[in-house]
C-alpha atoms as a PDB file:
ATOM      1  CA  UNK A   1      49.609 -20.785   1.744  1.00  0.00           C
ATOM      2  CA  UNK A   2      50.622 -18.664   5.017  1.00  0.00           C
ATOM      3  CA  UNK A   3      54.045 -16.840   6.402  1.00  0.00           C
ATOM      4  CA  UNK A   4      53.519 -16.798   9.769  1.00  0.00           C
ATOM      5  CA  UNK A   5      49.932 -15.860  10.630  1.00  0.00           C
ATOM      6  CA  UNK A   6      49.237 -13.934   7.270  1.00  0.00           C
ATOM      7  CA  UNK A   7      47.170 -15.988   5.035  1.00  0.00           C
ATOM      8  CA  UNK A   8      47.381 -15.802   0.727  1.00  0.00           C
ATOM      9  CA  UNK A   9      45.258 -16.991  -1.550  1.00  0.00           C
ATOM     10  CA  UNK A  10      46.184 -19.848  -3.732  1.00  0.00           C
ATOM     11  CA  UNK A  11      48.795 -18.849  -5.871  1.00  0.00           C
ATOM     12  CA  UNK A  12      49.464 -15.921  -4.794  1.00  0.00           C
ATOM     13  CA  UNK A  13      51.815 -12.898  -6.806  1.00  0.00           C
ATOM     14  CA  UNK A  14      54.456 -10.610  -4.679  1.00  0.00           C
ATOM     15  CA  UNK A  15      55.172  -6.849  -6.075  1.00  0.00           C
ATOM     16  CA  UNK A  16      59.462  -7.129  -5.288  1.00  0.00           C
ATOM     17  CA  UNK A  17      61.013  -4.471  -3.890  1.00  0.00           C
ATOM     18  CA  UNK A  18      63.019  -2.542  -6.328  1.00  0.00           C
ATOM     19  CA  UNK A  19      64.463   0.656  -5.401  1.00  0.00           C
ATOM     20  CA  UNK A  20      62.837   4.087  -7.181  1.00  0.00           C
ATOM     21  CA  UNK A  21      59.681   1.989  -8.157  1.00  0.00           C
ATOM     22  CA  UNK A  22      58.208   0.617  -4.964  1.00  0.00           C
ATOM     23  CA  UNK A  23      56.877   3.661  -3.450  1.00  0.00           C
ATOM     24  CA  UNK A  24      53.431   3.653  -2.317  1.00  0.00           C
ATOM     25  CA  UNK A  25      52.209   5.151  -5.979  1.00  0.00           C
ATOM     26  CA  UNK A  26      52.969   1.928  -7.361  1.00  0.00           C
ATOM     27  CA  UNK A  27      52.367  -0.460  -4.857  1.00  0.00           C
ATOM     28  CA  UNK A  28      48.890   0.742  -4.554  1.00  0.00           C
ATOM     29  CA  UNK A  29      48.113   0.331  -8.202  1.00  0.00           C
ATOM     30  CA  UNK A  30      49.961  -2.702  -8.100  1.00  0.00           C
ATOM     31  CA  UNK A  31      47.406  -3.940  -5.024  1.00  0.00           C
ATOM     32  CA  UNK A  32      44.818  -2.357  -6.976  1.00  0.00           C
ATOM     33  CA  UNK A  33      45.345  -5.142  -9.832  1.00  0.00           C
ATOM     34  CA  UNK A  34      45.619  -8.276  -7.260  1.00  0.00           C
ATOM     35  CA  UNK A  35      49.410  -8.590  -6.026  1.00  0.00           C
ATOM     36  CA  UNK A  36      48.494 -10.124  -3.360  1.00  0.00           C
ATOM     37  CA  UNK A  37      51.958  -9.156  -1.156  1.00  0.00           C
ATOM     38  CA  UNK A  38      53.827  -5.556  -2.067  1.00  0.00           C
ATOM     39  CA  UNK A  39      57.276  -4.408  -0.861  1.00  0.00           C
ATOM     40  CA  UNK A  40      58.837  -1.383  -0.277  1.00  0.00           C
ATOM     41  CA  UNK A  41      61.986   0.139  -1.814  1.00  0.00           C
ATOM     42  CA  UNK A  42      64.674  -1.688   0.249  1.00  0.00           C
ATOM     43  CA  UNK A  43      65.925   0.868   3.016  1.00  0.00           C
ATOM     44  CA  UNK A  44      69.123   1.402   4.032  1.00  0.00           C
ATOM     45  CA  UNK A  45      69.621   0.517   7.980  1.00  0.00           C
ATOM     46  CA  UNK A  46      72.943   3.181   8.668  1.00  0.00           C
ATOM     47  CA  UNK A  47      70.715   5.744   7.241  1.00  0.00           C
ATOM     48  CA  UNK A  48      67.572   5.005   8.884  1.00  0.00           C
ATOM     49  CA  UNK A  49      69.300   5.179  12.503  1.00  0.00           C
ATOM     50  CA  UNK A  50      70.844   8.433  11.047  1.00  0.00           C
ATOM     51  CA  UNK A  51      66.901   9.788  10.977  1.00  0.00           C
ATOM     52  CA  UNK A  52      67.774  10.628   7.298  1.00  0.00           C
ATOM     53  CA  UNK A  53      64.428  12.268   6.067  1.00  0.00           C
ATOM     54  CA  UNK A  54      64.641  10.529   2.777  1.00  0.00           C
ATOM     55  CA  UNK A  55      64.798   7.252   3.697  1.00  0.00           C
ATOM     56  CA  UNK A  56      62.318   7.487   7.008  1.00  0.00           C
ATOM     57  CA  UNK A  57      60.065   8.891   3.955  1.00  0.00           C
ATOM     58  CA  UNK A  58      59.916   5.061   2.486  1.00  0.00           C
ATOM     59  CA  UNK A  59      58.385   3.911   5.809  1.00  0.00           C
ATOM     60  CA  UNK A  60      55.328   5.236   4.474  1.00  0.00           C
ATOM     61  CA  UNK A  61      52.277   2.365   4.650  1.00  0.00           C
ATOM     62  CA  UNK A  62      48.803   2.875   3.514  1.00  0.00           C
ATOM     63  CA  UNK A  63      45.795   0.622   4.832  1.00  0.00           C
ATOM     64  CA  UNK A  64      44.775  -0.018   1.343  1.00  0.00           C
ATOM     65  CA  UNK A  65      48.240  -1.594   0.029  1.00  0.00           C
ATOM     66  CA  UNK A  66      48.525  -3.999   2.989  1.00  0.00           C
ATOM     67  CA  UNK A  67      50.138  -6.614   3.406  1.00  0.00           C
ATOM     68  CA  UNK A  68      53.029  -4.442   3.073  1.00  0.00           C
ATOM     69  CA  UNK A  69      56.745  -5.869   3.762  1.00  0.00           C
ATOM     70  CA  UNK A  70      59.365  -3.290   4.610  1.00  0.00           C
ATOM     71  CA  UNK A  71      62.378  -4.076   3.460  1.00  0.00           C
ATOM     72  CA  UNK A  72      65.985  -3.487   5.122  1.00  0.00           C
ATOM     73  CA  UNK A  73      69.927  -4.302   4.237  1.00  0.00           C
ATOM     74  CA  UNK A  74      72.764  -3.048   5.496  1.00  0.00           C
ATOM     75  CA  UNK A  75      76.191  -5.111   6.402  1.00  0.00           C
ATOM     76  CA  UNK A  76      76.541  -4.864  10.424  1.00  0.00           C
ATOM     77  CA  UNK A  77      74.000  -6.739  12.943  1.00  0.00           C
ATOM     78  CA  UNK A  78      73.564  -3.506  15.278  1.00  0.00           C
ATOM     79  CA  UNK A  79      72.497  -1.690  12.709  1.00  0.00           C
ATOM     80  CA  UNK A  80      70.219  -4.258  11.195  1.00  0.00           C
ATOM     81  CA  UNK A  81      68.904  -4.853  14.757  1.00  0.00           C
ATOM     82  CA  UNK A  82      68.593  -1.244  15.201  1.00  0.00           C
ATOM     83  CA  UNK A  83      66.627  -0.004  11.743  1.00  0.00           C
ATOM     84  CA  UNK A  84      64.206  -3.281  12.419  1.00  0.00           C
ATOM     85  CA  UNK A  85      62.538  -2.189  15.191  1.00  0.00           C
ATOM     86  CA  UNK A  86      62.343   1.556  13.693  1.00  0.00           C
ATOM     87  CA  UNK A  87      60.258   0.026  10.671  1.00  0.00           C
ATOM     88  CA  UNK A  88      58.288  -2.405  13.123  1.00  0.00           C
ATOM     89  CA  UNK A  89      57.063   0.759  14.495  1.00  0.00           C
ATOM     90  CA  UNK A  90      55.838   1.251  10.846  1.00  0.00           C
ATOM     91  CA  UNK A  91      53.475  -1.441  10.973  1.00  0.00           C
ATOM     92  CA  UNK A  92      54.536  -3.472   8.774  1.00  0.00           C
ATOM     93  CA  UNK A  93      53.208  -7.296   8.556  1.00  0.00           C
ATOM     94  CA  UNK A  94      56.884  -8.337   7.828  1.00  0.00           C
ATOM     95  CA  UNK A  95      60.273  -7.111   7.753  1.00  0.00           C
ATOM     96  CA  UNK A  96      62.581  -8.623   4.744  1.00  0.00           C
ATOM     97  CA  UNK A  97      66.325  -8.415   4.712  1.00  0.00           C
ATOM     98  CA  UNK A  98      67.471  -8.155   1.250  1.00  0.00           C
ATOM     99  CA  UNK A  99      70.768 -10.160   1.014  1.00  0.00           C
ATOM    100  CA  UNK A 100      70.428 -10.141  -2.744  1.00  0.00           C
ATOM    101  CA  UNK A 101      71.145  -7.201  -4.069  1.00  0.00           C
ATOM    102  CA  UNK A 102      74.028  -7.023  -6.573  1.00  0.00           C
ATOM    103  CA  UNK A 103      74.820  -3.644  -7.327  1.00  0.00           C
ATOM    104  CA  UNK A 104      78.557  -2.147  -6.349  1.00  0.00           C
ATOM    105  CA  UNK A 105      76.923   0.408  -4.361  1.00  0.00           C
ATOM    106  CA  UNK A 106      75.101  -1.894  -1.917  1.00  0.00           C
ATOM    107  CA  UNK A 107      77.052  -5.256  -2.679  1.00  0.00           C
ATOM    108  CA  UNK A 108      80.462  -4.157  -2.683  1.00  0.00           C
ATOM    109  CA  UNK A 109      80.025  -2.187   0.648  1.00  0.00           C
ATOM    110  CA  UNK A 110      78.828  -5.810   2.255  1.00  0.00           C
ATOM    111  CA  UNK A 111      75.636  -5.575   2.027  1.00  0.00           C
ATOM    112  CA  UNK A 112      72.539  -6.953   0.173  1.00  0.00           C
ATOM    113  CA  UNK A 113      74.182  -9.741  -2.198  1.00  0.00           C
ATOM    114  CA  UNK A 114      77.716  -8.699  -0.329  1.00  0.00           C
ATOM    115  CA  UNK A 115      76.405 -10.709   2.441  1.00  0.00           C
ATOM    116  CA  UNK A 116      77.176 -13.886   0.087  1.00  0.00           C
ATOM    117  CA  UNK A 117      80.880 -13.861   0.627  1.00  0.00           C
ATOM    118  CA  UNK A 118      80.297 -13.797   4.347  1.00  0.00           C
ATOM    119  CA  UNK A 119      77.755 -16.337   5.287  1.00  0.00           C
ATOM    120  CA  UNK A 120      78.699 -16.114   9.232  1.00  0.00           C
ATOM    121  CA  UNK A 121      77.113 -12.755   9.093  1.00  0.00           C
ATOM    122  CA  UNK A 122      74.516 -12.981   6.949  1.00  0.00           C
ATOM    123  CA  UNK A 123      73.318 -15.407   9.806  1.00  0.00           C
ATOM    124  CA  UNK A 124      74.599 -13.261  12.828  1.00  0.00           C
ATOM    125  CA  UNK A 125      72.052 -10.566  10.765  1.00  0.00           C
ATOM    126  CA  UNK A 126      69.260 -12.870  10.112  1.00  0.00           C
ATOM    127  CA  UNK A 127      68.819 -14.314  13.640  1.00  0.00           C
ATOM    128  CA  UNK A 128      69.516 -10.894  16.127  1.00  0.00           C
ATOM    129  CA  UNK A 129      66.818  -9.207  13.622  1.00  0.00           C
ATOM    130  CA  UNK A 130      64.462 -12.201  14.661  1.00  0.00           C
ATOM    131  CA  UNK A 131      65.109 -12.188  17.760  1.00  0.00           C
ATOM    132  CA  UNK A 132      64.498  -8.508  18.273  1.00  0.00           C
ATOM    133  CA  UNK A 133      60.911  -7.981  16.840  1.00  0.00           C
ATOM    134  CA  UNK A 134      57.784  -9.828  16.869  1.00  0.00           C
ATOM    135  CA  UNK A 135      57.168  -9.319  13.524  1.00  0.00           C
ATOM    136  CA  UNK A 136      57.864 -12.329  11.124  1.00  0.00           C
ATOM    137  CA  UNK A 137      60.817 -11.981   9.524  1.00  0.00           C
ATOM    138  CA  UNK A 138      61.736 -12.964   6.157  1.00  0.00           C
ATOM    139  CA  UNK A 139      64.845 -12.981   3.518  1.00  0.00           C
ATOM    140  CA  UNK A 140      64.997 -12.654  -0.014  1.00  0.00           C
ATOM    141  CA  UNK A 141      68.298 -13.585  -1.501  1.00  0.00           C
ATOM    142  CA  UNK A 142      70.310 -15.053  -4.613  1.00  0.00           C
ATOM    143  CA  UNK A 143      71.856 -18.391  -5.323  1.00  0.00           C
ATOM    144  CA  UNK A 144      75.541 -17.761  -4.496  1.00  0.00           C
ATOM    145  CA  UNK A 145      77.882 -15.525  -4.985  1.00  0.00           C
ATOM    146  CA  UNK A 146      79.338 -16.855  -8.222  1.00  0.00           C
ATOM    147  CA  UNK A 147      78.806 -20.262 -10.300  1.00  0.00           C
ATOM    148  CA  UNK A 148      81.863 -21.347  -8.164  1.00  0.00           C
ATOM    149  CA  UNK A 149      79.736 -20.703  -4.846  1.00  0.00           C
ATOM    150  CA  UNK A 150      75.898 -21.515  -5.958  1.00  0.00           C
ATOM    151  CA  UNK A 151      74.940 -22.183  -1.718  1.00  0.00           C
ATOM    152  CA  UNK A 152      71.597 -21.938  -2.090  1.00  0.00           C
ATOM    153  CA  UNK A 153      70.040 -25.166  -1.248  1.00  0.00           C
ATOM    154  CA  UNK A 154      72.301 -25.562   2.053  1.00  0.00           C
ATOM    155  CA  UNK A 155      71.763 -21.455   2.655  1.00  0.00           C
ATOM    156  CA  UNK A 156      68.145 -22.220   2.719  1.00  0.00           C
ATOM    157  CA  UNK A 157      68.310 -24.694   5.484  1.00  0.00           C
ATOM    158  CA  UNK A 158      70.795 -22.444   7.306  1.00  0.00           C
ATOM    159  CA  UNK A 159      68.642 -19.506   7.038  1.00  0.00           C
ATOM    160  CA  UNK A 160      65.624 -21.757   8.672  1.00  0.00           C
ATOM    161  CA  UNK A 161      67.243 -22.465  11.429  1.00  0.00           C
ATOM    162  CA  UNK A 162      67.931 -18.582  12.115  1.00  0.00           C
ATOM    163  CA  UNK A 163      63.750 -18.223  12.752  1.00  0.00           C
ATOM    164  CA  UNK A 164      62.342 -16.819   9.405  1.00  0.00           C
ATOM    165  CA  UNK A 165      59.417 -17.763   8.474  1.00  0.00           C
ATOM    166  CA  UNK A 166      59.852 -17.366   4.425  1.00  0.00           C
ATOM    167  CA  UNK A 167      62.232 -17.318   1.775  1.00  0.00           C
ATOM    168  CA  UNK A 168      62.353 -15.616  -1.535  1.00  0.00           C
ATOM    169  CA  UNK A 169      65.137 -16.665  -3.913  1.00  0.00           C
ATOM    170  CA  UNK A 170      65.946 -15.009  -7.467  1.00  0.00           C
ATOM    171  CA  UNK A 171      67.570 -17.403  -9.639  1.00  0.00           C
ATOM    172  CA  UNK A 172      70.755 -15.932 -10.278  1.00  0.00           C
ATOM    173  CA  UNK A 173      74.134 -15.177  -8.589  1.00  0.00           C
ATOM    174  CA  UNK A 174      75.003 -11.857  -7.506  1.00  0.00           C
ATOM    175  CA  UNK A 175      78.208 -12.431 -10.732  1.00  0.00           C
ATOM    176  CA  UNK A 176      75.176 -12.683 -13.587  1.00  0.00           C
ATOM    177  CA  UNK A 177      73.561  -9.388 -12.057  1.00  0.00           C
ATOM    178  CA  UNK A 178      70.669  -9.260 -14.046  1.00  0.00           C
ATOM    179  CA  UNK A 179      72.247 -10.869 -17.745  1.00  0.00           C
ATOM    180  CA  UNK A 180      71.445 -14.054 -18.563  1.00  0.00           C
ATOM    181  CA  UNK A 181      68.162 -16.651 -17.411  1.00  0.00           C
ATOM    182  CA  UNK A 182      67.289 -17.298 -14.137  1.00  0.00           C
ATOM    183  CA  UNK A 183      68.225 -20.746 -13.049  1.00  0.00           C
ATOM    184  CA  UNK A 184      64.808 -22.060 -11.380  1.00  0.00           C
ATOM    185  CA  UNK A 185      66.239 -25.574 -10.879  1.00  0.00           C
ATOM    186  CA  UNK A 186      67.711 -24.533  -7.829  1.00  0.00           C
ATOM    187  CA  UNK A 187      64.775 -22.856  -6.574  1.00  0.00           C
ATOM    188  CA  UNK A 188      62.722 -25.984  -7.310  1.00  0.00           C
ATOM    189  CA  UNK A 189      65.637 -28.076  -5.195  1.00  0.00           C
ATOM    190  CA  UNK A 190      65.389 -25.659  -2.021  1.00  0.00           C
ATOM    191  CA  UNK A 191      61.435 -25.825  -2.723  1.00  0.00           C
ATOM    192  CA  UNK A 192      61.913 -29.764  -2.900  1.00  0.00           C
ATOM    193  CA  UNK A 193      63.889 -30.324   0.537  1.00  0.00           C
ATOM    194  CA  UNK A 194      62.296 -31.598   2.510  1.00  0.00           C
ATOM    195  CA  UNK A 195      63.564 -30.611   5.622  1.00  0.00           C
ATOM    196  CA  UNK A 196      62.029 -27.235   4.164  1.00  0.00           C
ATOM    197  CA  UNK A 197      58.867 -26.381   6.130  1.00  0.00           C
ATOM    198  CA  UNK A 198      58.532 -22.217   5.587  1.00  0.00           C
ATOM    199  CA  UNK A 199      56.824 -20.740   2.338  1.00  0.00           C
ATOM    200  CA  UNK A 200      59.480 -20.485  -0.953  1.00  0.00           C
ATOM    201  CA  UNK A 201      59.176 -17.616  -3.201  1.00  0.00           C
ATOM    202  CA  UNK A 202      60.424 -17.831  -6.257  1.00  0.00           C
ATOM    203  CA  UNK A 203      61.695 -14.724  -8.248  1.00  0.00           C
ATOM    204  CA  UNK A 204      63.473 -14.012 -11.659  1.00  0.00           C
ATOM    205  CA  UNK A 205      62.012 -13.708 -15.331  1.00  0.00           C
ATOM    206  CA  UNK A 206      58.373 -14.703 -14.932  1.00  0.00           C
ATOM    207  CA  UNK A 207      57.681 -11.615 -17.088  1.00  0.00           C
ATOM    208  CA  UNK A 208      53.986 -13.965 -18.812  1.00  0.00           C
ATOM    209  CA  UNK A 209      50.822 -15.489 -16.985  1.00  0.00           C
ATOM    210  CA  UNK A 210      52.427 -18.425 -19.393  1.00  0.00           C
ATOM    211  CA  UNK A 211      55.171 -17.876 -17.552  1.00  0.00           C
ATOM    212  CA  UNK A 212      53.997 -17.516 -14.050  1.00  0.00           C
ATOM    213  CA  UNK A 213      51.769 -20.902 -14.739  1.00  0.00           C
ATOM    214  CA  UNK A 214      54.864 -22.375 -15.339  1.00  0.00           C
ATOM    215  CA  UNK A 215      57.075 -21.623 -12.650  1.00  0.00           C
ATOM    216  CA  UNK A 216      54.141 -22.701 -10.259  1.00  0.00           C
ATOM    217  CA  UNK A 217      53.534 -26.245 -11.551  1.00  0.00           C
ATOM    218  CA  UNK A 218      57.192 -27.106 -12.289  1.00  0.00           C
ATOM    219  CA  UNK A 219      59.227 -26.135  -9.111  1.00  0.00           C
ATOM    220  CA  UNK A 220      56.405 -26.142  -6.655  1.00  0.00           C
ATOM    221  CA  UNK A 221      57.230 -22.602  -5.384  1.00  0.00           C
ATOM    222  CA  UNK A 222      54.587 -21.552  -2.716  1.00  0.00           C
ATOM    223  CA  UNK A 223      54.145 -17.773  -3.853  1.00  0.00           C
ATOM    224  CA  UNK A 224      56.324 -15.972  -6.982  1.00  0.00           C
ATOM    225  CA  UNK A 225      57.612 -12.331  -7.209  1.00  0.00           C
ATOM    226  CA  UNK A 226      57.085 -10.134 -10.332  1.00  0.00           C
ATOM    227  CA  UNK A 227      59.640  -7.400 -10.379  1.00  0.00           C
ATOM    228  CA  UNK A 228      61.132  -5.520 -13.849  1.00  0.00           C
ATOM    229  CA  UNK A 229      57.995  -7.181 -15.667  1.00  0.00           C
ATOM    230  CA  UNK A 230      56.197  -5.140 -13.432  1.00  0.00           C
ATOM    231  CA  UNK A 231      57.347  -1.673 -14.395  1.00  0.00           C
ATOM    232  CA  UNK A 232      55.356   0.892 -16.069  1.00  0.00           C
ATOM    233  CA  UNK A 233      52.518  -1.795 -16.563  1.00  0.00           C
ATOM    234  CA  UNK A 234      51.544  -2.870 -12.652  1.00  0.00           C
ATOM    235  CA  UNK A 235      48.067  -4.365 -14.778  1.00  0.00           C
ATOM    236  CA  UNK A 236      50.676  -7.243 -15.176  1.00  0.00           C
ATOM    237  CA  UNK A 237      48.958  -8.494 -11.731  1.00  0.00           C
ATOM    238  CA  UNK A 238      45.527  -8.988 -13.207  1.00  0.00           C
ATOM    239  CA  UNK A 239      46.756 -10.578 -16.590  1.00  0.00           C
ATOM    240  CA  UNK A 240      48.773 -13.166 -15.158  1.00  0.00           C
ATOM    241  CA  UNK A 241      45.607 -13.683 -12.277  1.00  0.00           C
ATOM    242  CA  UNK A 242      42.831 -14.421 -14.790  1.00  0.00           C
ATOM    243  CA  UNK A 243      45.817 -16.825 -16.438  1.00  0.00           C
ATOM    244  CA  UNK A 244      46.515 -18.838 -13.479  1.00  0.00           C
ATOM    245  CA  UNK A 245      42.214 -18.747 -12.908  1.00  0.00           C
ATOM    246  CA  UNK A 246      41.272 -20.075 -15.861  1.00  0.00           C
ATOM    247  CA  UNK A 247      43.735 -20.918 -18.182  1.00  0.00           C
ATOM    248  CA  UNK A 248      43.574 -17.848 -20.854  1.00  0.00           C
ATOM    249  CA  UNK A 249      44.422 -14.690 -20.978  1.00  0.00           C
ATOM    250  CA  UNK A 250      41.999 -12.180 -20.117  1.00  0.00           C
ATOM    251  CA  UNK A 251      40.885  -9.744 -22.559  1.00  0.00           C
ATOM    252  CA  UNK A 252      43.371  -6.944 -23.426  1.00  0.00           C
ATOM    253  CA  UNK A 253      43.136  -3.525 -21.371  1.00  0.00           C
ATOM    254  CA  UNK A 254      41.967  -0.640 -24.009  1.00  0.00           C
ATOM    255  CA  UNK A 255      44.912   1.821 -25.010  1.00  0.00           C
ATOM    256  CA  UNK A 256      42.957   4.614 -23.117  1.00  0.00           C
ATOM    257  CA  UNK A 257      42.745   2.563 -19.796  1.00  0.00           C
ATOM    258  CA  UNK A 258      46.435   1.817 -20.071  1.00  0.00           C
ATOM    259  CA  UNK A 259      47.574   5.345 -20.171  1.00  0.00           C
ATOM    260  CA  UNK A 260      45.120   6.175 -17.692  1.00  0.00           C
ATOM    261  CA  UNK A 261      46.142   3.848 -15.011  1.00  0.00           C
ATOM    262  CA  UNK A 262      50.010   5.735 -16.369  1.00  0.00           C
ATOM    263  CA  UNK A 263      48.558   8.949 -15.503  1.00  0.00           C
ATOM    264  CA  UNK A 264      47.076   8.159 -12.095  1.00  0.00           C
ATOM    265  CA  UNK A 265      50.415   6.988 -10.907  1.00  0.00           C
ATOM    266  CA  UNK A 266      52.132  10.164 -11.807  1.00  0.00           C
ATOM    267  CA  UNK A 267      48.996  12.088  -9.896  1.00  0.00           C
ATOM    268  CA  UNK A 268      49.960  10.094  -6.696  1.00  0.00           C
ATOM    269  CA  UNK A 269      53.705  10.320  -6.623  1.00  0.00           C
ATOM    270  CA  UNK A 270      53.214  13.767  -7.291  1.00  0.00           C
ATOM    271  CA  UNK A 271      51.268  14.158  -4.485  1.00  0.00           C
ATOM    272  CA  UNK A 272      53.559  12.060  -2.261  1.00  0.00           C
ATOM    273  CA  UNK A 273      56.571  13.840  -3.068  1.00  0.00           C
ATOM    274  CA  UNK A 274      56.033  17.118  -4.683  1.00  0.00           C
ATOM    275  CA  UNK A 275      55.298  17.912  -8.555  1.00  0.00           C
ATOM    276  CA  UNK A 276      59.091  17.735 -10.133  1.00  0.00           C
ATOM    277  CA  UNK A 277      60.335  14.845  -7.686  1.00  0.00           C
ATOM    278  CA  UNK A 278      57.451  12.709  -8.567  1.00  0.00           C
ATOM    279  CA  UNK A 279      57.663  13.120 -12.085  1.00  0.00           C
ATOM    280  CA  UNK A 280      60.959  12.478 -11.994  1.00  0.00           C
ATOM    281  CA  UNK A 281      60.262   9.091  -9.785  1.00  0.00           C
ATOM    282  CA  UNK A 282      58.125   8.063 -12.471  1.00  0.00           C
ATOM    283  CA  UNK A 283      60.042   8.540 -15.208  1.00  0.00           C
ATOM    284  CA  UNK A 284      61.046   4.709 -15.417  1.00  0.00           C
ATOM    285  CA  UNK A 285      57.627   3.837 -15.150  1.00  0.00           C
ATOM    286  CA  UNK A 286      57.267   6.030 -18.586  1.00  0.00           C
ATOM    287  CA  UNK A 287      60.311   4.994 -20.122  1.00  0.00           C
ATOM    288  CA  UNK A 288      59.648   0.539 -19.542  1.00  0.00           C
ATOM    289  CA  UNK A 289      55.451   0.637 -20.097  1.00  0.00           C
ATOM    290  CA  UNK A 290      54.599  -1.648 -22.995  1.00  0.00           C
ATOM    291  CA  UNK A 291      51.464   1.144 -23.473  1.00  0.00           C
ATOM    292  CA  UNK A 292      53.557   3.131 -26.669  1.00  0.00           C
ATOM    293  CA  UNK A 293      54.773   0.311 -28.512  1.00  0.00           C
ATOM    294  CA  UNK A 294      54.004   0.311 -31.820  1.00  0.00           C
ATOM    295  CA  UNK A 295      52.901   3.570 -32.367  1.00  0.00           C
ATOM    296  CA  UNK A 296      54.789   4.555 -35.561  1.00  0.00           C
ATOM    297  CA  UNK A 297      57.567   7.629 -34.944  1.00  0.00           C
ATOM    298  CA  UNK A 298      57.227   7.704 -31.420  1.00  0.00           C
ATOM    299  CA  UNK A 299      60.758   8.281 -30.663  1.00  0.00           C
ATOM    300  CA  UNK A 300      60.847  12.262 -30.347  1.00  0.00           C
ATOM    301  CA  UNK A 301      57.203  11.909 -28.609  1.00  0.00           C
ATOM    302  CA  UNK A 302      59.197   9.475 -25.930  1.00  0.00           C
ATOM    303  CA  UNK A 303      62.241  11.612 -25.471  1.00  0.00           C
ATOM    304  CA  UNK A 304      59.402  15.032 -25.076  1.00  0.00           C
ATOM    305  CA  UNK A 305      57.500  13.027 -22.480  1.00  0.00           C
ATOM    306  CA  UNK A 306      60.986  11.811 -20.447  1.00  0.00           C
ATOM    307  CA  UNK A 307      62.260  15.098 -20.014  1.00  0.00           C
ATOM    308  CA  UNK A 308      58.985  17.550 -18.969  1.00  0.00           C
ATOM    309  CA  UNK A 309      58.735  18.601 -15.674  1.00  0.00           C
ATOM    310  CA  UNK A 310      55.561  19.997 -15.234  1.00  0.00           C
ATOM    311  CA  UNK A 311      52.075  18.018 -14.649  1.00  0.00           C
ATOM    312  CA  UNK A 312      50.406  19.987 -17.560  1.00  0.00           C
ATOM    313  CA  UNK A 313      53.311  19.533 -19.710  1.00  0.00           C
ATOM    314  CA  UNK A 314      53.498  16.139 -19.007  1.00  0.00           C
ATOM    315  CA  UNK A 315      50.167  15.145 -19.887  1.00  0.00           C
ATOM    316  CA  UNK A 316      49.425  17.222 -22.774  1.00  0.00           C
ATOM    317  CA  UNK A 317      52.189  15.086 -24.757  1.00  0.00           C
ATOM    318  CA  UNK A 318      50.421  12.045 -23.314  1.00  0.00           C
ATOM    319  CA  UNK A 319      47.524  13.197 -24.838  1.00  0.00           C
ATOM    320  CA  UNK A 320      48.367  13.778 -28.287  1.00  0.00           C
ATOM    321  CA  UNK A 321      49.886   9.990 -28.097  1.00  0.00           C
ATOM    322  CA  UNK A 322      45.770   9.393 -27.201  1.00  0.00           C
ATOM    323  CA  UNK A 323      44.944  11.370 -30.505  1.00  0.00           C
ATOM    324  CA  UNK A 324      47.471   9.761 -32.354  1.00  0.00           C
ATOM    325  CA  UNK A 325      46.330   6.491 -31.456  1.00  0.00           C
ATOM    326  CA  UNK A 326      42.825   7.068 -32.160  1.00  0.00           C
ATOM    327  CA  UNK A 327      43.777   8.734 -35.646  1.00  0.00           C
ATOM    328  CA  UNK A 328      45.912   5.407 -36.426  1.00  0.00           C
END
């Protein structure tokens, strides 16, 4: 499968862009475990063109994580074009446009999934960004604004006509947010539309190796994007790759191996930011990881872990969990 001139292996797996999740530390881990492409956190076009330092920091890319896509969101074509040019200078392989984020602070202001209520403006932004940069431009969006406006089949053709190189579709409407089940039937309908010739990337509720295999086989998508299931579990890509290749689960990582991966992520995040911010940035992973699932009476330890403010304090707690697991 190719996106423009970028070649991917059969049945590729991509790490979805997620705010406060897909920083360089996490992207590098996911790449290590088999992610075929990773995406930055989504970046505000308005903040980028205003030279907001925290936003500019999100443009950081390391060679070991390539290929990588920088994802932008905004509601005005001029700002998105200027931001795309800035992002292009950071040297990604792809510029991705976020027309799918459902949260109020984005969609409620007419950006992200909010543009599903203004399709002409979405198409204008897409067309102008495609013309403004030399890199391939891709789009990530949803089925539509709500159940009465599931427009993705027609919208996919319109976006393709704007010149995008690939389309990622999350199988929910904006109204659903992340509730209910993702509907892959419309993703499959887009993929099977004979007029479509760009790669179609499916996204939504793929949480197991069996689920990934089923989505490839049933809906024929060119790639699958893994989002929330990867939080605190970057090795999910290795599990899925193994299953897609051999039809069986890989040997589970040992508890000590899983914990070492989480500790490495914390260290990398601290090195990227600083001790305090790096620890805070990984708390979502610590809260979501399955590493500690099933350990008796873990609630108090979990609370202490999420309140820790120094590496010494946090790693002391993590090491005590290891000792507890060994004793069990």
